[in-house]
């Protein structure tokens, strides 16, 4: 169960991200190289494997829960917060952009 503060943070993140998406193309300014590096350094795949088994890729589309770029960015921010990764907002954005490119392919 999430704390009310974390829930509020996630809502604010999704709302901010949604307004940015409408104006500029959500991941237009993301640094994909940085996102790839951070995914490797943060051991995201190992964490996903421990949670869902296999190669961890089942984590990326849990019953359609992540259906938009803002929702994906919010989920990456939730991982950042829960795991105390210490990623800055632009780093979270870059990680989410790589995941969108490699796994979600939003239209």
PDB file of N, CA and C in Angstrom:
ATOM      1  N   UNK A   1       0.840  -1.180   0.000  1.00  0.00           N
ATOM      2  CA  UNK A   1       0.000   0.000   0.000  1.00  0.00           C
ATOM      3  C   UNK A   1       0.881   1.238   0.000  1.00  0.00           C
ATOM      4  N   UNK A   2       0.536   2.211  -0.833  1.00  0.00           N
ATOM      5  CA  UNK A   2       1.325   3.436  -0.947  1.00  0.00           C
ATOM      6  C   UNK A   2       0.912   4.454   0.109  1.00  0.00           C
ATOM      7  N   UNK A   3       1.851   5.284   0.471  1.00  0.00           N
ATOM      8  CA  UNK A   3       1.523   6.365   1.384  1.00  0.00           C
ATOM      9  C   UNK A   3       0.764   7.446   0.618  1.00  0.00           C
ATOM     10  N   UNK A   4      -0.030   8.255   1.314  1.00  0.00           N
ATOM     11  CA  UNK A   4      -0.741   9.349   0.636  1.00  0.00           C
ATOM     12  C   UNK A   4       0.216  10.323  -0.053  1.00  0.00           C
ATOM     13  N   UNK A   5       1.383  10.547   0.543  1.00  0.00           N
ATOM     14  CA  UNK A   5       2.351  11.466  -0.067  1.00  0.00           C
ATOM     15  C   UNK A   5       2.871  10.913  -1.389  1.00  0.00           C
ATOM     16  N   UNK A   6       3.165   9.608  -1.435  1.00  0.00           N
ATOM     17  CA  UNK A   6       3.640   9.002  -2.671  1.00  0.00           C
ATOM     18  C   UNK A   6       2.542   9.026  -3.725  1.00  0.00           C
ATOM     19  N   UNK A   7       1.318   8.749  -3.329  1.00  0.00           N
ATOM     20  CA  UNK A   7       0.198   8.798  -4.272  1.00  0.00           C
ATOM     21  C   UNK A   7       0.051  10.199  -4.853  1.00  0.00           C
ATOM     22  N   UNK A   8       0.151  11.217  -4.016  1.00  0.00           N
ATOM     23  CA  UNK A   8       0.047  12.590  -4.489  1.00  0.00           C
ATOM     24  C   UNK A   8       1.181  12.933  -5.438  1.00  0.00           C
ATOM     25  N   UNK A   9       2.387  12.469  -5.117  1.00  0.00           N
ATOM     26  CA  UNK A   9       3.538  12.706  -5.990  1.00  0.00           C
ATOM     27  C   UNK A   9       3.310  12.084  -7.363  1.00  0.00           C
ATOM     28  N   UNK A  10       2.814  10.852  -7.372  1.00  0.00           N
ATOM     29  CA  UNK A  10       2.563  10.173  -8.642  1.00  0.00           C
ATOM     30  C   UNK A  10       1.505  10.894  -9.463  1.00  0.00           C
ATOM     31  N   UNK A  11       0.442  11.351  -8.821  1.00  0.00           N
ATOM     32  CA  UNK A  11      -0.602  12.090  -9.540  1.00  0.00           C
ATOM     33  C   UNK A  11      -0.034  13.365 -10.129  1.00  0.00           C
ATOM     34  N   UNK A  12       0.740  14.093  -9.352  1.00  0.00           N
ATOM     35  CA  UNK A  12       1.351  15.335  -9.855  1.00  0.00           C
ATOM     36  C   UNK A  12       2.292  15.050 -11.018  1.00  0.00           C
ATOM     37  N   UNK A  13       3.070  13.985 -10.911  1.00  0.00           N
ATOM     38  CA  UNK A  13       3.997  13.620 -11.981  1.00  0.00           C
ATOM     39  C   UNK A  13       3.246  13.308 -13.257  1.00  0.00           C
ATOM     40  N   UNK A  14       2.175  12.530 -13.144  1.00  0.00           N
ATOM     41  CA  UNK A  14       1.400  12.171 -14.329  1.00  0.00           C
ATOM     42  C   UNK A  14       0.726  13.400 -14.924  1.00  0.00           C
ATOM     43  N   UNK A  15       0.184  14.279 -14.092  1.00  0.00           N
ATOM     44  CA  UNK A  15      -0.445  15.493 -14.609  1.00  0.00           C
ATOM     45  C   UNK A  15       0.566  16.394 -15.299  1.00  0.00           C
ATOM     46  N   UNK A  16       1.735  16.588 -14.686  1.00  0.00           N
ATOM     47  CA  UNK A  16       2.786  17.397 -15.309  1.00  0.00           C
ATOM     48  C   UNK A  16       3.214  16.779 -16.628  1.00  0.00           C
ATOM     49  N   UNK A  17       3.418  15.484 -16.604  1.00  0.00           N
ATOM     50  CA  UNK A  17       3.885  14.798 -17.797  1.00  0.00           C
ATOM     51  C   UNK A  17       2.848  14.852 -18.904  1.00  0.00           C
ATOM     52  N   UNK A  18       1.583  14.729 -18.553  1.00  0.00           N
ATOM     53  CA  UNK A  18       0.530  14.791 -19.561  1.00  0.00           C
ATOM     54  C   UNK A  18       0.488  16.140 -20.255  1.00  0.00           C
ATOM     55  N   UNK A  19       0.678  17.223 -19.512  1.00  0.00           N
ATOM     56  CA  UNK A  19       0.655  18.540 -20.149  1.00  0.00           C
ATOM     57  C   UNK A  19       1.878  18.733 -21.036  1.00  0.00           C
ATOM     58  N   UNK A  20       3.030  18.198 -20.623  1.00  0.00           N
ATOM     59  CA  UNK A  20       4.229  18.304 -21.461  1.00  0.00           C
ATOM     60  C   UNK A  20       4.056  17.512 -22.748  1.00  0.00           C
ATOM     61  N   UNK A  21       3.422  16.351 -22.665  1.00  0.00           N
ATOM     62  CA  UNK A  21       3.226  15.507 -23.845  1.00  0.00           C
ATOM     63  C   UNK A  21       2.369  16.224 -24.872  1.00  0.00           C
ATOM     64  N   UNK A  22       1.348  16.903 -24.419  1.00  0.00           N
ATOM     65  CA  UNK A  22       0.438  17.574 -25.344  1.00  0.00           C
ATOM     66  C   UNK A  22       1.132  18.698 -26.105  1.00  0.00           C
ATOM     67  N   UNK A  23       2.175  19.268 -25.538  1.00  0.00           N
ATOM     68  CA  UNK A  23       2.816  20.424 -26.157  1.00  0.00           C
ATOM     69  C   UNK A  23       4.044  20.081 -26.998  1.00  0.00           C
ATOM     70  N   UNK A  24       4.822  19.071 -26.626  1.00  0.00           N
ATOM     71  CA  UNK A  24       6.129  18.924 -27.263  1.00  0.00           C
ATOM     72  C   UNK A  24       6.466  17.530 -27.768  1.00  0.00           C
ATOM     73  N   UNK A  25       5.654  16.549 -27.565  1.00  0.00           N
ATOM     74  CA  UNK A  25       6.071  15.169 -27.842  1.00  0.00           C
ATOM     75  C   UNK A  25       6.789  14.689 -26.606  1.00  0.00           C
ATOM     76  N   UNK A  26       6.251  13.746 -25.949  1.00  0.00           N
ATOM     77  CA  UNK A  26       6.636  13.441 -24.568  1.00  0.00           C
ATOM     78  C   UNK A  26       8.118  13.153 -24.360  1.00  0.00           C
ATOM     79  N   UNK A  27       8.726  12.348 -25.176  1.00  0.00           N
ATOM     80  CA  UNK A  27      10.122  11.971 -24.945  1.00  0.00           C
ATOM     81  C   UNK A  27      11.083  12.658 -25.922  1.00  0.00           C
ATOM     82  N   UNK A  28      10.639  13.700 -26.561  1.00  0.00           N
ATOM     83  CA  UNK A  28      11.433  14.400 -27.577  1.00  0.00           C
ATOM     84  C   UNK A  28      12.820  14.815 -27.074  1.00  0.00           C
ATOM     85  N   UNK A  29      12.909  15.283 -25.857  1.00  0.00           N
ATOM     86  CA  UNK A  29      14.175  15.814 -25.330  1.00  0.00           C
ATOM     87  C   UNK A  29      14.952  14.807 -24.474  1.00  0.00           C
ATOM     88  N   UNK A  30      14.519  13.561 -24.445  1.00  0.00           N
ATOM     89  CA  UNK A  30      15.164  12.563 -23.585  1.00  0.00           C
ATOM     90  C   UNK A  30      16.537  12.162 -24.120  1.00  0.00           C
ATOM     91  N   UNK A  31      17.436  11.881 -23.213  1.00  0.00           N
ATOM     92  CA  UNK A  31      18.787  11.399 -23.543  1.00  0.00           C
ATOM     93  C   UNK A  31      18.753   9.866 -23.467  1.00  0.00           C
ATOM     94  N   UNK A  32      18.592   9.220 -24.609  1.00  0.00           N
ATOM     95  CA  UNK A  32      18.448   7.766 -24.640  1.00  0.00           C
ATOM     96  C   UNK A  32      19.708   7.051 -24.153  1.00  0.00           C
ATOM     97  N   UNK A  33      20.859   7.584 -24.486  1.00  0.00           N
ATOM     98  CA  UNK A  33      22.109   6.984 -24.014  1.00  0.00           C
ATOM     99  C   UNK A  33      22.188   6.989 -22.497  1.00  0.00           C
ATOM    100  N   UNK A  34      21.795   8.096 -21.903  1.00  0.00           N
ATOM    101  CA  UNK A  34      21.780   8.200 -20.443  1.00  0.00           C
ATOM    102  C   UNK A  34      20.782   7.198 -19.869  1.00  0.00           C
ATOM    103  N   UNK A  35      19.605   7.102 -20.476  1.00  0.00           N
ATOM    104  CA  UNK A  35      18.598   6.160 -19.997  1.00  0.00           C
ATOM    105  C   UNK A  35      19.094   4.730 -20.032  1.00  0.00           C
ATOM    106  N   UNK A  36      19.757   4.346 -21.117  1.00  0.00           N
ATOM    107  CA  UNK A  36      20.312   2.991 -21.225  1.00  0.00           C
ATOM    108  C   UNK A  36      21.347   2.737 -20.134  1.00  0.00           C
ATOM    109  N   UNK A  37      22.211   3.703 -19.907  1.00  0.00           N
ATOM    110  CA  UNK A  37      23.251   3.585 -18.885  1.00  0.00           C
ATOM    111  C   UNK A  37      22.629   3.437 -17.490  1.00  0.00           C
ATOM    112  N   UNK A  38      21.614   4.243 -17.207  1.00  0.00           N
ATOM    113  CA  UNK A  38      20.979   4.203 -15.889  1.00  0.00           C
ATOM    114  C   UNK A  38      20.218   2.894 -15.659  1.00  0.00           C
ATOM    115  N   UNK A  39      19.607   2.362 -16.704  1.00  0.00           N
ATOM    116  CA  UNK A  39      18.913   1.080 -16.578  1.00  0.00           C
ATOM    117  C   UNK A  39      19.910  -0.005 -16.181  1.00  0.00           C
ATOM    118  N   UNK A  40      21.063   0.002 -16.811  1.00  0.00           N
ATOM    119  CA  UNK A  40      22.092  -0.992 -16.485  1.00  0.00           C
ATOM    120  C   UNK A  40      22.636  -0.775 -15.069  1.00  0.00           C
ATOM    121  N   UNK A  41      22.946   0.462 -14.726  1.00  0.00           N
ATOM    122  CA  UNK A  41      23.520   0.757 -13.411  1.00  0.00           C
ATOM    123  C   UNK A  41      22.549   0.467 -12.272  1.00  0.00           C
ATOM    124  N   UNK A  42      21.269   0.717 -12.512  1.00  0.00           N
ATOM    125  CA  UNK A  42      20.259   0.549 -11.459  1.00  0.00           C
ATOM    126  C   UNK A  42      19.791  -0.889 -11.324  1.00  0.00           C
ATOM    127  N   UNK A  43      20.262  -1.750 -12.219  1.00  0.00           N
ATOM    128  CA  UNK A  43      19.911  -3.167 -12.183  1.00  0.00           C
ATOM    129  C   UNK A  43      18.403  -3.392 -12.289  1.00  0.00           C
ATOM    130  N   UNK A  44      17.780  -2.623 -13.176  1.00  0.00           N
ATOM    131  CA  UNK A  44      16.328  -2.713 -13.374  1.00  0.00           C
ATOM    132  C   UNK A  44      15.906  -4.113 -13.799  1.00  0.00           C
ATOM    133  N   UNK A  45      16.627  -4.699 -14.743  1.00  0.00           N
ATOM    134  CA  UNK A  45      16.244  -6.023 -15.252  1.00  0.00           C
ATOM    135  C   UNK A  45      16.304  -7.061 -14.131  1.00  0.00           C
ATOM    136  N   UNK A  46      17.343  -7.038 -13.325  1.00  0.00           N
ATOM    137  CA  UNK A  46      17.467  -7.999 -12.221  1.00  0.00           C
ATOM    138  C   UNK A  46      16.300  -7.858 -11.245  1.00  0.00           C
ATOM    139  N   UNK A  47      15.896  -6.647 -10.966  1.00  0.00           N
ATOM    140  CA  UNK A  47      14.764  -6.418 -10.062  1.00  0.00           C
ATOM    141  C   UNK A  47      13.482  -6.968 -10.686  1.00  0.00           C
ATOM    142  N   UNK A  48      13.284  -6.699 -11.972  1.00  0.00           N
ATOM    143  CA  UNK A  48      12.083  -7.193 -12.653  1.00  0.00           C
ATOM    144  C   UNK A  48      12.063  -8.716 -12.695  1.00  0.00           C
ATOM    145  N   UNK A  49      13.206  -9.343 -12.945  1.00  0.00           N
ATOM    146  CA  UNK A  49      13.293 -10.808 -12.952  1.00  0.00           C
ATOM    147  C   UNK A  49      12.902 -11.351 -11.575  1.00  0.00           C
ATOM    148  N   UNK A  50      13.365 -10.704 -10.514  1.00  0.00           N
ATOM    149  CA  UNK A  50      13.043 -11.179  -9.165  1.00  0.00           C
ATOM    150  C   UNK A  50      11.557 -11.058  -8.859  1.00  0.00           C
ATOM    151  N   UNK A  51      10.895 -10.131  -9.503  1.00  0.00           N
ATOM    152  CA  UNK A  51       9.462  -9.914  -9.244  1.00  0.00           C
ATOM    153  C   UNK A  51       8.557 -10.761 -10.127  1.00  0.00           C
ATOM    154  N   UNK A  52       8.916 -10.932 -11.420  1.00  0.00           N
ATOM    155  CA  UNK A  52       8.011 -11.622 -12.350  1.00  0.00           C
ATOM    156  C   UNK A  52       8.611 -12.865 -12.974  1.00  0.00           C
ATOM    157  N   UNK A  53       9.886 -13.129 -12.733  1.00  0.00           N
ATOM    158  CA  UNK A  53      10.526 -14.318 -13.287  1.00  0.00           C
ATOM    159  C   UNK A  53      10.884 -14.161 -14.756  1.00  0.00           C
ATOM    160  N   UNK A  54      11.305 -15.255 -15.353  1.00  0.00           N
ATOM    161  CA  UNK A  54      11.701 -15.253 -16.760  1.00  0.00           C
ATOM    162  C   UNK A  54      12.805 -14.254 -17.016  1.00  0.00           C
ATOM    163  N   UNK A  55      12.655 -13.507 -18.107  1.00  0.00           N
ATOM    164  CA  UNK A  55      13.644 -12.479 -18.430  1.00  0.00           C
ATOM    165  C   UNK A  55      13.254 -11.111 -17.882  1.00  0.00           C
ATOM    166  N   UNK A  56      12.162 -11.053 -17.120  1.00  0.00           N
ATOM    167  CA  UNK A  56      11.712  -9.800 -16.514  1.00  0.00           C
ATOM    168  C   UNK A  56      10.831  -8.955 -17.401  1.00  0.00           C
ATOM    169  N   UNK A  57      10.712  -9.316 -18.676  1.00  0.00           N
ATOM    170  CA  UNK A  57       9.973  -8.462 -19.613  1.00  0.00           C
ATOM    171  C   UNK A  57       8.468  -8.440 -19.352  1.00  0.00           C
ATOM    172  N   UNK A  58       7.937  -9.418 -18.616  1.00  0.00           N
ATOM    173  CA  UNK A  58       6.511  -9.403 -18.286  1.00  0.00           C
ATOM    174  C   UNK A  58       6.154  -8.179 -17.440  1.00  0.00           C
ATOM    175  N   UNK A  59       7.131  -7.584 -16.806  1.00  0.00           N
ATOM    176  CA  UNK A  59       6.917  -6.389 -15.993  1.00  0.00           C
ATOM    177  C   UNK A  59       6.438  -5.209 -16.833  1.00  0.00           C
ATOM    178  N   UNK A  60       6.792  -5.196 -18.107  1.00  0.00           N
ATOM    179  CA  UNK A  60       6.563  -4.008 -18.908  1.00  0.00           C
ATOM    180  C   UNK A  60       5.128  -3.795 -19.364  1.00  0.00           C
ATOM    181  N   UNK A  61       4.302  -4.804 -19.341  1.00  0.00           N
ATOM    182  CA  UNK A  61       2.914  -4.592 -19.748  1.00  0.00           C
ATOM    183  C   UNK A  61       1.963  -5.313 -18.801  1.00  0.00           C
ATOM    184  N   UNK A  62       1.925  -4.901 -17.545  1.00  0.00           N
ATOM    185  CA  UNK A  62       1.054  -5.578 -16.590  1.00  0.00           C
ATOM    186  C   UNK A  62      -0.415  -5.229 -16.811  1.00  0.00           C
ATOM    187  N   UNK A  63      -1.109  -6.088 -17.544  1.00  0.00           N
ATOM    188  CA  UNK A  63      -2.546  -5.949 -17.772  1.00  0.00           C
ATOM    189  C   UNK A  63      -2.951  -4.577 -18.299  1.00  0.00           C
ATOM    190  N   UNK A  64      -2.124  -3.977 -19.136  1.00  0.00           N
ATOM    191  CA  UNK A  64      -2.456  -2.693 -19.745  1.00  0.00           C
ATOM    192  C   UNK A  64      -2.402  -1.511 -18.795  1.00  0.00           C
ATOM    193  N   UNK A  65      -1.806  -1.699 -17.634  1.00  0.00           N
ATOM    194  CA  UNK A  65      -1.767  -0.623 -16.634  1.00  0.00           C
ATOM    195  C   UNK A  65      -0.988   0.590 -17.122  1.00  0.00           C
ATOM    196  N   UNK A  66       0.059   0.363 -17.889  1.00  0.00           N
ATOM    197  CA  UNK A  66       0.872   1.463 -18.402  1.00  0.00           C
ATOM    198  C   UNK A  66       0.471   1.656 -19.860  1.00  0.00           C
ATOM    199  N   UNK A  67      -0.391   2.619 -20.109  1.00  0.00           N
ATOM    200  CA  UNK A  67      -0.953   2.779 -21.450  1.00  0.00           C
ATOM    201  C   UNK A  67      -0.643   4.127 -22.093  1.00  0.00           C
ATOM    202  N   UNK A  68       0.234   4.906 -21.459  1.00  0.00           N
ATOM    203  CA  UNK A  68       0.581   6.209 -22.018  1.00  0.00           C
ATOM    204  C   UNK A  68       1.969   6.616 -21.536  1.00  0.00           C
ATOM    205  N   UNK A  69       2.614   7.513 -22.266  1.00  0.00           N
ATOM    206  CA  UNK A  69       3.926   8.000 -21.807  1.00  0.00           C
ATOM    207  C   UNK A  69       3.894   8.597 -20.399  1.00  0.00           C
ATOM    208  N   UNK A  70       2.890   9.400 -20.044  1.00  0.00           N
ATOM    209  CA  UNK A  70       2.883   9.937 -18.672  1.00  0.00           C
ATOM    210  C   UNK A  70       2.772   8.840 -17.610  1.00  0.00           C
ATOM    211  N   UNK A  71       1.991   7.805 -17.881  1.00  0.00           N
ATOM    212  CA  UNK A  71       1.864   6.711 -16.917  1.00  0.00           C
ATOM    213  C   UNK A  71       3.193   5.966 -16.773  1.00  0.00           C
ATOM    214  N   UNK A  72       3.901   5.788 -17.873  1.00  0.00           N
ATOM    215  CA  UNK A  72       5.201   5.123 -17.826  1.00  0.00           C
ATOM    216  C   UNK A  72       6.190   5.944 -17.015  1.00  0.00           C
ATOM    217  N   UNK A  73       6.235   7.240 -17.272  1.00  0.00           N
ATOM    218  CA  UNK A  73       7.152   8.094 -16.518  1.00  0.00           C
ATOM    219  C   UNK A  73       6.823   8.046 -15.034  1.00  0.00           C
ATOM    220  N   UNK A  74       5.528   8.051 -14.706  1.00  0.00           N
ATOM    221  CA  UNK A  74       5.104   7.953 -13.311  1.00  0.00           C
ATOM    222  C   UNK A  74       5.535   6.649 -12.661  1.00  0.00           C
ATOM    223  N   UNK A  75       5.489   5.558 -13.416  1.00  0.00           N
ATOM    224  CA  UNK A  75       5.907   4.264 -12.876  1.00  0.00           C
ATOM    225  C   UNK A  75       7.416   4.240 -12.645  1.00  0.00           C
ATOM    226  N   UNK A  76       8.179   4.817 -13.567  1.00  0.00           N
ATOM    227  CA  UNK A  76       9.635   4.887 -13.365  1.00  0.00           C
ATOM    228  C   UNK A  76       9.941   5.742 -12.137  1.00  0.00           C
ATOM    229  N   UNK A  77       9.193   6.826 -11.955  1.00  0.00           N
ATOM    230  CA  UNK A  77       9.384   7.666 -10.772  1.00  0.00           C
ATOM    231  C   UNK A  77       9.034   6.896  -9.507  1.00  0.00           C
ATOM    232  N   UNK A  78       8.008   6.049  -9.570  1.00  0.00           N
ATOM    233  CA  UNK A  78       7.651   5.241  -8.407  1.00  0.00           C
ATOM    234  C   UNK A  78       8.787   4.279  -8.061  1.00  0.00           C
ATOM    235  N   UNK A  79       9.371   3.639  -9.062  1.00  0.00           N
ATOM    236  CA  UNK A  79      10.531   2.764  -8.808  1.00  0.00           C
ATOM    237  C   UNK A  79      11.674   3.572  -8.191  1.00  0.00           C
ATOM    238  N   UNK A  80      11.918   4.737  -8.742  1.00  0.00           N
ATOM    239  CA  UNK A  80      12.974   5.614  -8.238  1.00  0.00           C
ATOM    240  C   UNK A  80      12.758   5.915  -6.757  1.00  0.00           C
ATOM    241  N   UNK A  81      11.527   6.225  -6.400  1.00  0.00           N
ATOM    242  CA  UNK A  81      11.208   6.575  -5.013  1.00  0.00           C
ATOM    243  C   UNK A  81      11.281   5.358  -4.100  1.00  0.00           C
ATOM    244  N   UNK A  82      10.614   4.271  -4.486  1.00  0.00           N
ATOM    245  CA  UNK A  82      10.552   3.084  -3.636  1.00  0.00           C
ATOM    246  C   UNK A  82      11.919   2.452  -3.418  1.00  0.00           C
ATOM    247  N   UNK A  83      12.761   2.487  -4.447  1.00  0.00           N
ATOM    248  CA  UNK A  83      14.078   1.861  -4.345  1.00  0.00           C
ATOM    249  C   UNK A  83      15.168   2.848  -3.942  1.00  0.00           C
ATOM    250  N   UNK A  84      14.781   4.101  -3.717  1.00  0.00           N
ATOM    251  CA  UNK A  84      15.713   5.143  -3.304  1.00  0.00           C
ATOM    252  C   UNK A  84      16.911   5.221  -4.248  1.00  0.00           C
ATOM    253  N   UNK A  85      16.605   5.270  -5.560  1.00  0.00           N
ATOM    254  CA  UNK A  85      17.668   5.297  -6.562  1.00  0.00           C
ATOM    255  C   UNK A  85      18.341   6.662  -6.679  1.00  0.00           C
ATOM    256  N   UNK A  86      17.653   7.706  -6.284  1.00  0.00           N
ATOM    257  CA  UNK A  86      18.241   9.040  -6.328  1.00  0.00           C
ATOM    258  C   UNK A  86      18.349   9.637  -7.721  1.00  0.00           C
ATOM    259  N   UNK A  87      17.490   9.191  -8.629  1.00  0.00           N
ATOM    260  CA  UNK A  87      17.526   9.740  -9.989  1.00  0.00           C
ATOM    261  C   UNK A  87      16.893  11.122 -10.028  1.00  0.00           C
ATOM    262  N   UNK A  88      17.484  12.004 -10.798  1.00  0.00           N
ATOM    263  CA  UNK A  88      16.922  13.330 -11.028  1.00  0.00           C
ATOM    264  C   UNK A  88      15.784  13.226 -12.043  1.00  0.00           C
ATOM    265  N   UNK A  89      14.891  14.214 -12.100  1.00  0.00           N
ATOM    266  CA  UNK A  89      13.757  14.155 -13.029  1.00  0.00           C
ATOM    267  C   UNK A  89      14.152  13.889 -14.483  1.00  0.00           C
ATOM    268  N   UNK A  90      15.233  14.511 -14.954  1.00  0.00           N
ATOM    269  CA  UNK A  90      15.642  14.289 -16.345  1.00  0.00           C
ATOM    270  C   UNK A  90      16.172  12.863 -16.548  1.00  0.00           C
ATOM    271  N   UNK A  91      16.708  12.275 -15.491  1.00  0.00           N
ATOM    272  CA  UNK A  91      17.167  10.890 -15.574  1.00  0.00           C
ATOM    273  C   UNK A  91      15.980   9.927 -15.616  1.00  0.00           C
ATOM    274  N   UNK A  92      14.975  10.178 -14.791  1.00  0.00           N
ATOM    275  CA  UNK A  92      13.746   9.378 -14.821  1.00  0.00           C
ATOM    276  C   UNK A  92      13.133   9.457 -16.214  1.00  0.00           C
ATOM    277  N   UNK A  93      13.108  10.650 -16.766  1.00  0.00           N
ATOM    278  CA  UNK A  93      12.544  10.880 -18.105  1.00  0.00           C
ATOM    279  C   UNK A  93      13.320  10.075 -19.154  1.00  0.00           C
ATOM    280  N   UNK A  94      14.617  10.059 -19.047  1.00  0.00           N
ATOM    281  CA  UNK A  94      15.449   9.326 -20.006  1.00  0.00           C
ATOM    282  C   UNK A  94      15.253   7.817 -19.886  1.00  0.00           C
ATOM    283  N   UNK A  95      15.157   7.310 -18.671  1.00  0.00           N
ATOM    284  CA  UNK A  95      14.895   5.886 -18.473  1.00  0.00           C
ATOM    285  C   UNK A  95      13.537   5.524 -19.076  1.00  0.00           C
ATOM    286  N   UNK A  96      12.525   6.327 -18.796  1.00  0.00           N
ATOM    287  CA  UNK A  96      11.185   6.069 -19.334  1.00  0.00           C
ATOM    288  C   UNK A  96      11.194   6.102 -20.861  1.00  0.00           C
ATOM    289  N   UNK A  97      11.972   6.991 -21.448  1.00  0.00           N
ATOM    290  CA  UNK A  97      12.046   7.087 -22.912  1.00  0.00           C
ATOM    291  C   UNK A  97      12.624   5.804 -23.515  1.00  0.00           C
ATOM    292  N   UNK A  98      13.638   5.249 -22.876  1.00  0.00           N
ATOM    293  CA  UNK A  98      14.220   3.991 -23.370  1.00  0.00           C
ATOM    294  C   UNK A  98      13.191   2.864 -23.259  1.00  0.00           C
ATOM    295  N   UNK A  99      12.493   2.796 -22.143  1.00  0.00           N
ATOM    296  CA  UNK A  99      11.470   1.760 -21.971  1.00  0.00           C
ATOM    297  C   UNK A  99      10.347   1.920 -22.999  1.00  0.00           C
ATOM    298  N   UNK A 100       9.976   3.164 -23.262  1.00  0.00           N
ATOM    299  CA  UNK A 100       8.936   3.416 -24.274  1.00  0.00           C
ATOM    300  C   UNK A 100       9.405   2.947 -25.647  1.00  0.00           C
ATOM    301  N   UNK A 101      10.637   3.241 -25.971  1.00  0.00           N
ATOM    302  CA  UNK A 101      11.199   2.853 -27.266  1.00  0.00           C
ATOM    303  C   UNK A 101      11.308   1.335 -27.400  1.00  0.00           C
ATOM    304  N   UNK A 102      11.804   0.683 -26.342  1.00  0.00           N
ATOM    305  CA  UNK A 102      12.131  -0.735 -26.429  1.00  0.00           C
ATOM    306  C   UNK A 102      10.966  -1.676 -26.105  1.00  0.00           C
ATOM    307  N   UNK A 103      10.023  -1.232 -25.286  1.00  0.00           N
ATOM    308  CA  UNK A 103       8.993  -2.147 -24.817  1.00  0.00           C
ATOM    309  C   UNK A 103       7.565  -1.686 -25.096  1.00  0.00           C
ATOM    310  N   UNK A 104       7.282  -0.409 -25.028  1.00  0.00           N
ATOM    311  CA  UNK A 104       5.899   0.050 -25.093  1.00  0.00           C
ATOM    312  C   UNK A 104       5.475   0.539 -26.471  1.00  0.00           C
ATOM    313  N   UNK A 105       6.360   1.236 -27.162  1.00  0.00           N
ATOM    314  CA  UNK A 105       6.085   1.713 -28.525  1.00  0.00           C
ATOM    315  C   UNK A 105       4.728   2.410 -28.612  1.00  0.00           C
ATOM    316  N   UNK A 106       4.528   3.414 -27.767  1.00  0.00           N
ATOM    317  CA  UNK A 106       3.288   4.184 -27.766  1.00  0.00           C
ATOM    318  C   UNK A 106       3.061   4.836 -29.115  1.00  0.00           C
ATOM    319  N   UNK A 107       1.838   5.001 -29.474  1.00  0.00           N
ATOM    320  CA  UNK A 107       1.484   5.659 -30.744  1.00  0.00           C
ATOM    321  C   UNK A 107       1.212   7.117 -30.527  1.00  0.00           C
TER     322      UNK A 107
END
